[in-house]
PDB file of N, CA and C in Angstrom:
ATOM      1  N   MET A   1     108.122  99.849 108.307  1.00  0.00           N
ATOM      2  CA  MET A   1     107.702 100.006 106.737  1.00  0.00           C
ATOM      3  C   MET A   1     108.564  98.469 105.982  1.00  0.00           C
ATOM      4  N   LEU A   2     109.395  97.788 106.565  1.00  0.00           N
ATOM      5  CA  LEU A   2     109.391  96.414 106.153  1.00  0.00           C
ATOM      6  C   LEU A   2     108.838  95.747 106.183  1.00  0.00           C
ATOM      7  N   GLU A   3     107.420  95.973 107.308  1.00  0.00           N
ATOM      8  CA  GLU A   3     106.208  94.552 107.319  1.00  0.00           C
ATOM      9  C   GLU A   3     105.307  95.214 105.940  1.00  0.00           C
ATOM     10  N   ARG A   4     105.224  96.350 105.509  1.00  0.00           N
ATOM     11  CA  ARG A   4     104.385  96.631 104.724  1.00  0.00           C
ATOM     12  C   ARG A   4     105.126  96.194 103.105  1.00  0.00           C
ATOM     13  N   ILE A   5     106.325  96.458 102.752  1.00  0.00           N
ATOM     14  CA  ILE A   5     106.731  95.720 101.811  1.00  0.00           C
ATOM     15  C   ILE A   5     106.321  94.134 102.149  1.00  0.00           C
ATOM     16  N   LYS A   6     106.406  93.256 102.909  1.00  0.00           N
ATOM     17  CA  LYS A   6     106.731  92.061 103.295  1.00  0.00           C
ATOM     18  C   LYS A   6     105.024  91.675 103.059  1.00  0.00           C
ATOM     19  N   THR A   7     103.883  92.229 102.846  1.00  0.00           N
ATOM     20  CA  THR A   7     102.927  91.956 103.380  1.00  0.00           C
ATOM     21  C   THR A   7     101.792  92.591 101.863  1.00  0.00           C
ATOM     22  N   GLY A   8     100.800  91.956 102.170  1.00  0.00           N
ATOM     23  CA  GLY A   8      99.843  92.653 101.241  1.00  0.00           C
ATOM     24  C   GLY A   8      99.934  92.617  99.783  1.00  0.00           C
ATOM     25  N   TRP A   9     100.318  92.073  99.509  1.00  0.00           N
ATOM     26  CA  TRP A   9     100.714  91.389  97.809  1.00  0.00           C
ATOM     27  C   TRP A   9      99.673  91.253  97.051  1.00  0.00           C
ATOM     28  N   ASN A  10      99.286  91.862  96.145  1.00  0.00           N
ATOM     29  CA  ASN A  10      98.446  91.255  95.116  1.00  0.00           C
ATOM     30  C   ASN A  10      99.067  91.442  93.791  1.00  0.00           C
ATOM     31  N   PHE A  11      97.947  91.040  92.606  1.00  0.00           N
ATOM     32  CA  PHE A  11      98.556  91.016  91.272  1.00  0.00           C
ATOM     33  C   PHE A  11      98.580  92.833  91.140  1.00  0.00           C
ATOM     34  N   GLN A  12      98.250  93.954  90.914  1.00  0.00           N
ATOM     35  CA  GLN A  12      98.054  94.703  90.753  1.00  0.00           C
ATOM     36  C   GLN A  12      99.537  96.091  91.809  1.00  0.00           C
ATOM     37  N   ARG A  13     100.261  94.968  92.895  1.00  0.00           N
ATOM     38  CA  ARG A  13     101.103  95.766  93.474  1.00  0.00           C
ATOM     39  C   ARG A  13     102.196  95.054  92.422  1.00  0.00           C
ATOM     40  N   ILE A  14     102.053  93.845  92.042  1.00  0.00           N
ATOM     41  CA  ILE A  14     103.313  92.918  91.654  1.00  0.00           C
ATOM     42  C   ILE A  14     103.722  93.560  90.131  1.00  0.00           C
ATOM     43  N   PHE A  15     101.931  93.636  89.658  1.00  0.00           N
ATOM     44  CA  PHE A  15     102.041  94.673  88.608  1.00  0.00           C
ATOM     45  C   PHE A  15     102.937  95.973  88.834  1.00  0.00           C
ATOM     46  N   PHE A  16     102.399  97.039  88.782  1.00  0.00           N
ATOM     47  CA  PHE A  16     103.006  98.466  88.859  1.00  0.00           C
ATOM     48  C   PHE A  16     104.428  98.068  89.096  1.00  0.00           C
ATOM     49  N   PHE A  17     105.021  97.373  90.462  1.00  0.00           N
ATOM     50  CA  PHE A  17     106.660  97.205  90.560  1.00  0.00           C
ATOM     51  C   PHE A  17     107.050  96.964  89.422  1.00  0.00           C
ATOM     52  N   ALA A  18     107.097  95.879  88.786  1.00  0.00           N
ATOM     53  CA  ALA A  18     107.216  95.131  87.749  1.00  0.00           C
ATOM     54  C   ALA A  18     107.805  96.165  86.331  1.00  0.00           C
ATOM     55  N   ILE A  19     106.462  96.647  86.183  1.00  0.00           N
ATOM     56  CA  ILE A  19     106.029  97.939  85.167  1.00  0.00           C
ATOM     57  C   ILE A  19     107.146  98.647  85.193  1.00  0.00           C
ATOM     58  N   GLY A  20     106.895  99.076  86.669  1.00  0.00           N
ATOM     59  CA  GLY A  20     108.028 100.602  86.872  1.00  0.00           C
ATOM     60  C   GLY A  20     109.196 100.248  86.760  1.00  0.00           C
ATOM     61  N   THR A  21     109.981  99.106  87.203  1.00  0.00           N
ATOM     62  CA  THR A  21     111.461  98.399  87.182  1.00  0.00           C
ATOM     63  C   THR A  21     111.574  98.389  85.547  1.00  0.00           C
ATOM     64  N   LEU A  22     110.772  97.812  84.742  1.00  0.00           N
ATOM     65  CA  LEU A  22     111.009  98.374  83.422  1.00  0.00           C
ATOM     66  C   LEU A  22     111.267  99.635  82.654  1.00  0.00           C
ATOM     67  N   VAL A  23     110.427 100.215  83.100  1.00  0.00           N
ATOM     68  CA  VAL A  23     110.531 101.783  82.697  1.00  0.00           C
ATOM     69  C   VAL A  23     112.098 102.050  83.198  1.00  0.00           C
ATOM     70  N   VAL A  24     112.157 102.379  84.563  1.00  0.00           N
ATOM     71  CA  VAL A  24     113.884 102.242  85.235  1.00  0.00           C
ATOM     72  C   VAL A  24     114.694 101.967  84.420  1.00  0.00           C
ATOM     73  N   VAL A  25     114.521 100.647  83.863  1.00  0.00           N
ATOM     74  CA  VAL A  25     115.873  99.889  83.389  1.00  0.00           C
ATOM     75  C   VAL A  25     115.887 100.371  81.910  1.00  0.00           C
ATOM     76  N   GLN A  26     114.949 100.836  81.273  1.00  0.00           N
ATOM     77  CA  GLN A  26     114.947 100.979  79.691  1.00  0.00           C
ATOM     78  C   GLN A  26     115.189 102.501  79.635  1.00  0.00           C
ATOM     79  N   SER A  27     114.771 103.519  80.594  1.00  0.00           N
ATOM     80  CA  SER A  27     114.719 104.779  80.525  1.00  0.00           C
ATOM     81  C   SER A  27     116.173 105.184  80.498  1.00  0.00           C
ATOM     82  N   LEU A  28     117.238 104.425  81.840  1.00  0.00           N
ATOM     83  CA  LEU A  28     118.282 104.837  81.959  1.00  0.00           C
ATOM     84  C   LEU A  28     119.714 103.785  80.655  1.00  0.00           C
ATOM     85  N   MET A  29     118.735 103.078  80.761  1.00  0.00           N
ATOM     86  CA  MET A  29     119.829 102.564  79.542  1.00  0.00           C
ATOM     87  C   MET A  29     120.016 103.391  77.850  1.00  0.00           C
ATOM     88  N   SER A  30     118.818 104.283  78.178  1.00  0.00           N
ATOM     89  CA  SER A  30     118.699 105.082  76.810  1.00  0.00           C
ATOM     90  C   SER A  30     119.066 106.574  77.248  1.00  0.00           C
ATOM     91  N   LYS A  31     119.202 106.838  78.615  1.00  0.00           N
ATOM     92  CA  LYS A  31     119.418 107.860  79.503  1.00  0.00           C
ATOM     93  C   LYS A  31     118.640 109.043  79.189  1.00  0.00           C
ATOM     94  N   HIS A  32     117.156 108.534  79.294  1.00  0.00           N
ATOM     95  CA  HIS A  32     116.308 109.238  79.563  1.00  0.00           C
ATOM     96  C   HIS A  32     115.637 109.813  80.926  1.00  0.00           C
ATOM     97  N   TYR A  33     116.659 110.439  81.849  1.00  0.00           N
ATOM     98  CA  TYR A  33     116.687 110.363  83.105  1.00  0.00           C
ATOM     99  C   TYR A  33     115.287 111.067  83.866  1.00  0.00           C
ATOM    100  N   LEU A  34     114.985 111.580  82.924  1.00  0.00           N
ATOM    101  CA  LEU A  34     113.490 112.304  83.166  1.00  0.00           C
ATOM    102  C   LEU A  34     112.118 111.025  83.666  1.00  0.00           C
ATOM    103  N   GLU A  35     111.926 109.877  82.587  1.00  0.00           N
ATOM    104  CA  GLU A  35     111.508 109.082  82.498  1.00  0.00           C
ATOM    105  C   GLU A  35     111.601 108.133  83.951  1.00  0.00           C
ATOM    106  N   ALA A  36     112.574 107.960  84.098  1.00  0.00           N
ATOM    107  CA  ALA A  36     113.613 106.510  84.644  1.00  0.00           C
ATOM    108  C   ALA A  36     112.871 107.781  86.007  1.00  0.00           C
ATOM    109  N   SER A  37     112.575 108.720  86.512  1.00  0.00           N
ATOM    110  CA  SER A  37     112.301 109.146  87.718  1.00  0.00           C
ATOM    111  C   SER A  37     110.643 108.375  87.785  1.00  0.00           C
ATOM    112  N   LEU A  38     109.921 108.719  86.624  1.00  0.00           N
ATOM    113  CA  LEU A  38     108.717 108.034  86.361  1.00  0.00           C
ATOM    114  C   LEU A  38     108.516 106.925  86.935  1.00  0.00           C
ATOM    115  N   GLY A  39     109.434 106.165  85.762  1.00  0.00           N
ATOM    116  CA  GLY A  39     109.045 104.533  86.586  1.00  0.00           C
ATOM    117  C   GLY A  39     109.450 103.985  87.745  1.00  0.00           C
ATOM    118  N   LEU A  40     110.705 105.390  88.419  1.00  0.00           N
ATOM    119  CA  LEU A  40     111.126 105.110  89.976  1.00  0.00           C
ATOM    120  C   LEU A  40     109.675 105.026  90.827  1.00  0.00           C
ATOM    121  N   TYR A  41     108.977 106.362  90.287  1.00  0.00           N
ATOM    122  CA  TYR A  41     107.823 106.244  91.712  1.00  0.00           C
ATOM    123  C   TYR A  41     106.350 105.394  91.293  1.00  0.00           C
ATOM    124  N   PHE A  42     106.604 104.411  90.169  1.00  0.00           N
ATOM    125  CA  PHE A  42     105.330 103.112  89.848  1.00  0.00           C
ATOM    126  C   PHE A  42     106.030 102.651  90.486  1.00  0.00           C
ATOM    127  N   ALA A  43     107.635 101.738  90.670  1.00  0.00           N
ATOM    128  CA  ALA A  43     108.254 100.696  90.597  1.00  0.00           C
ATOM    129  C   ALA A  43     107.896 101.139  92.562  1.00  0.00           C
ATOM    130  N   ALA A  44     108.379 102.263  93.305  1.00  0.00           N
ATOM    131  CA  ALA A  44     108.451 102.470  94.512  1.00  0.00           C
ATOM    132  C   ALA A  44     106.813 102.335  95.322  1.00  0.00           C
ATOM    133  N   MET A  45     105.849 102.786  94.197  1.00  0.00           N
ATOM    134  CA  MET A  45     104.254 102.547  94.472  1.00  0.00           C
ATOM    135  C   MET A  45     104.415 101.287  94.811  1.00  0.00           C
ATOM    136  N   GLY A  46     104.577 100.482  93.596  1.00  0.00           N
ATOM    137  CA  GLY A  46     104.589  98.678  94.300  1.00  0.00           C
ATOM    138  C   GLY A  46     104.989  98.208  95.301  1.00  0.00           C
ATOM    139  N   LEU A  47     106.748  98.897  95.030  1.00  0.00           N
ATOM    140  CA  LEU A  47     107.154  98.514  96.500  1.00  0.00           C
ATOM    141  C   LEU A  47     106.458  98.819  97.897  1.00  0.00           C
ATOM    142  N   LEU A  48     106.314  99.687  98.047  1.00  0.00           N
ATOM    143  CA  LEU A  48     105.744 100.110  99.183  1.00  0.00           C
ATOM    144  C   LEU A  48     104.379  99.981  99.868  1.00  0.00           C
ATOM    145  N   GLY A  49     103.058  99.629  98.549  1.00  0.00           N
ATOM    146  CA  GLY A  49     101.954  99.687  98.872  1.00  0.00           C
ATOM    147  C   GLY A  49     101.444 101.051  99.191  1.00  0.00           C
ATOM    148  N   PHE A  50     101.797 101.563  98.089  1.00  0.00           N
ATOM    149  CA  PHE A  50     100.678 103.435  98.555  1.00  0.00           C
ATOM    150  C   PHE A  50     100.123 103.292  97.506  1.00  0.00           C
ATOM    151  N   GLY A  51      99.212 104.290  97.017  1.00  0.00           N
ATOM    152  CA  GLY A  51      98.104 104.736  96.111  1.00  0.00           C
ATOM    153  C   GLY A  51      97.038 103.672  95.736  1.00  0.00           C
ATOM    154  N   CYS A  52      96.764 103.483  94.115  1.00  0.00           N
ATOM    155  CA  CYS A  52      96.508 102.612  93.846  1.00  0.00           C
ATOM    156  C   CYS A  52      96.945 101.263  93.582  1.00  0.00           C
ATOM    157  N   ALA A  53      97.979 100.990  93.786  1.00  0.00           N
ATOM    158  CA  ALA A  53      98.688  99.854  93.728  1.00  0.00           C
ATOM    159  C   ALA A  53      98.375  98.678  95.167  1.00  0.00           C
ATOM    160  N   THR A  54      97.739  99.704  95.596  1.00  0.00           N
ATOM    161  CA  THR A  54      96.805  98.839  97.179  1.00  0.00           C
ATOM    162  C   THR A  54      95.729  98.083  96.679  1.00  0.00           C
ATOM    163  N   GLY A  55      95.157  98.432  95.469  1.00  0.00           N
ATOM    164  CA  GLY A  55      93.707  98.442  94.987  1.00  0.00           C
ATOM    165  C   GLY A  55      92.552  98.519  95.319  1.00  0.00           C
ATOM    166  N   ASN A  56      92.944  99.595  96.173  1.00  0.00           N
ATOM    167  CA  ASN A  56      91.872 100.736  97.091  1.00  0.00           C
ATOM    168  C   ASN A  56      92.076 102.475  96.431  1.00  0.00           C
ATOM    169  N   CYS A  57      92.687 102.535  95.942  1.00  0.00           N
ATOM    170  CA  CYS A  57      93.161 103.955  95.541  1.00  0.00           C
ATOM    171  C   CYS A  57      92.492 104.476  96.741  1.00  0.00           C
ATOM    172  N   SER A  58      93.028 104.821  97.485  1.00  0.00           N
ATOM    173  CA  SER A  58      92.265 105.502  99.014  1.00  0.00           C
ATOM    174  C   SER A  58      93.712 105.389  99.728  1.00  0.00           C
ATOM    175  N   THR A  59      93.268 106.721 100.374  1.00  0.00           N
ATOM    176  CA  THR A  59      94.557 106.873 101.808  1.00  0.00           C
ATOM    177  C   THR A  59      94.764 106.443 102.920  1.00  0.00           C
ATOM    178  N   GLY A  60      93.899 105.687 103.411  1.00  0.00           N
ATOM    179  CA  GLY A  60      93.030 105.504 104.455  1.00  0.00           C
ATOM    180  C   GLY A  60      91.532 105.095 105.114  1.00  0.00           C
ATOM    181  N   PRO A  61      91.845 103.804 106.171  1.00  0.00           N
ATOM    182  CA  PRO A  61      90.408 103.488 106.200  1.00  0.00           C
ATOM    183  C   PRO A  61      89.698 104.942 107.062  1.00  0.00           C
ATOM    184  N   ILE A  62      88.376 104.629 106.183  1.00  0.00           N
ATOM    185  CA  ILE A  62      87.413 105.864 106.585  1.00  0.00           C
ATOM    186  C   ILE A  62      86.076 105.282 107.839  1.00  0.00           C
ATOM    187  N   GLN A  63      86.844 106.340 108.702  1.00  0.00           N
ATOM    188  CA  GLN A  63      85.870 106.133 110.220  1.00  0.00           C
ATOM    189  C   GLN A  63      84.281 106.225 109.917  1.00  0.00           C
ATOM    190  N   SER A  64      83.003 106.367 110.186  1.00  0.00           N
ATOM    191  CA  SER A  64      81.802 106.298 110.039  1.00  0.00           C
ATOM    192  C   SER A  64      81.883 107.406 111.510  1.00  0.00           C
ATOM    193  N   LYS A  65      80.992 108.129 110.853  1.00  0.00           N
ATOM    194  CA  LYS A  65      80.509 109.026 111.893  1.00  0.00           C
ATOM    195  C   LYS A  65      79.287 109.236 111.924  1.00  0.00           C
ATOM    196  N   ASP A  66      78.159 108.086 111.289  1.00  0.00           N
ATOM    197  CA  ASP A  66      76.684 108.158 111.672  1.00  0.00           C
ATOM    198  C   ASP A  66      76.146 107.954 112.537  1.00  0.00           C
ATOM    199  N   VAL A  67      74.783 109.243 113.086  1.00  0.00           N
ATOM    200  CA  VAL A  67      74.619 108.936 114.447  1.00  0.00           C
ATOM    201  C   VAL A  67      73.242 108.530 114.244  1.00  0.00           C
ATOM    202  N   ASN A  68      72.993 107.744 113.217  1.00  0.00           N
ATOM    203  CA  ASN A  68      71.583 107.088 113.246  1.00  0.00           C
ATOM    204  C   ASN A  68      72.189 105.872 112.792  1.00  0.00           C
ATOM    205  N   SER A  69      73.166 105.647 113.222  1.00  0.00           N
ATOM    206  CA  SER A  69      73.593 103.814 112.636  1.00  0.00           C
ATOM    207  C   SER A  69      72.461 102.695 113.716  1.00  0.00           C
ATOM    208  N   ASN A  70      72.989 101.833 112.772  1.00  0.00           N
ATOM    209  CA  ASN A  70      71.677 101.043 113.545  1.00  0.00           C
ATOM    210  C   ASN A  70      72.580  99.821 113.980  1.00  0.00           C
ATOM    211  N   LYS A  71      71.786  99.722 115.496  1.00  0.00           N
ATOM    212  CA  LYS A  71      72.046  98.742 116.820  1.00  0.00           C
ATOM    213  C   LYS A  71      72.141  97.335 116.304  1.00  0.00           C
ATOM    214  N   ALA A  72      72.521  96.616 116.849  1.00  0.00           N
ATOM    215  CA  ALA A  72      72.413  95.263 117.122  1.00  0.00           C
ATOM    216  C   ALA A  72      70.912  94.882 117.172  1.00  0.00           C
ATOM    217  N   GLY A  73      70.730  95.597 118.792  1.00  0.00           N
ATOM    218  CA  GLY A  73      69.185  95.306 119.031  1.00  0.00           C
ATOM    219  C   GLY A  73      68.373  96.346 118.548  1.00  0.00           C
ATOM    220  N   ASP A  74      67.720  96.572 117.168  1.00  0.00           N
ATOM    221  CA  ASP A  74      67.081  97.667 116.861  1.00  0.00           C
ATOM    222  C   ASP A  74      66.705  96.890 115.820  1.00  0.00           C
ATOM    223  N   ASN A  75      65.162  96.960 115.527  1.00  0.00           N
ATOM    224  CA  ASN A  75      65.014  96.730 114.316  1.00  0.00           C
ATOM    225  C   ASN A  75      64.499  98.063 113.660  1.00  0.00           C
ATOM    226  N   LEU A  76      64.381  97.756 112.531  1.00  0.00           N
ATOM    227  CA  LEU A  76      64.549  98.603 111.638  1.00  0.00           C
ATOM    228  C   LEU A  76      63.723  98.657 109.945  1.00  0.00           C
ATOM    229  N   ASP A  77      62.157  99.229 110.560  1.00  0.00           N
ATOM    230  CA  ASP A  77      61.185  99.510 109.512  1.00  0.00           C
ATOM    231  C   ASP A  77      61.773  99.695 108.334  1.00  0.00           C
ATOM    232  N   VAL A  78      61.706  99.324 107.350  1.00  0.00           N
ATOM    233  CA  VAL A  78      61.798  99.488 106.009  1.00  0.00           C
ATOM    234  C   VAL A  78      60.281  99.829 104.924  1.00  0.00           C
ATOM    235  N   THR A  79      60.343 100.734 104.737  1.00  0.00           N
ATOM    236  CA  THR A  79      58.890 101.202 103.531  1.00  0.00           C
ATOM    237  C   THR A  79      59.338 101.358 102.236  1.00  0.00           C
ATOM    238  N   TYR A  80      58.640 100.148 101.414  1.00  0.00           N
ATOM    239  CA  TYR A  80      58.794 100.725  99.832  1.00  0.00           C
ATOM    240  C   TYR A  80      57.440 101.132  99.045  1.00  0.00           C
ATOM    241  N   GLU A  81      58.127 101.733  97.909  1.00  0.00           N
ATOM    242  CA  GLU A  81      56.656 102.571  97.184  1.00  0.00           C
ATOM    243  C   GLU A  81      56.872 102.243  96.245  1.00  0.00           C
ATOM    244  N   GLU A  82      56.103 101.787  95.275  1.00  0.00           N
ATOM    245  CA  GLU A  82      56.228 101.261  94.393  1.00  0.00           C
ATOM    246  C   GLU A  82      56.140 102.493  93.010  1.00  0.00           C
ATOM    247  N   ILE A  83      57.240 102.097  92.080  1.00  0.00           N
ATOM    248  CA  ILE A  83      56.562 103.875  90.912  1.00  0.00           C
ATOM    249  C   ILE A  83      56.399 102.732  89.518  1.00  0.00           C
ATOM    250  N   ARG A  84      55.266 103.469  89.126  1.00  0.00           N
ATOM    251  CA  ARG A  84      54.765 103.425  87.720  1.00  0.00           C
ATOM    252  C   ARG A  84      55.370 104.074  86.953  1.00  0.00           C
TER     253      ARG A  84
END
């Protein structure tokens, strides 16, 4: 978890963390605790790098299970049909 906090920072993560922290501080100052929890979620998303704060909005790597994948030695002939 500590490694996840230290690496992979980009503009979007910094933005999510900064805006989330700002929302938490402002909400606590005005005693709106429900909004503070929403800001805490966005700050955590930026700090821990999950969700869309990682920059790709995915849950993890996708493993391809294509049975017709092109290997390095295969020649793949592609034909095109012109449409007018």
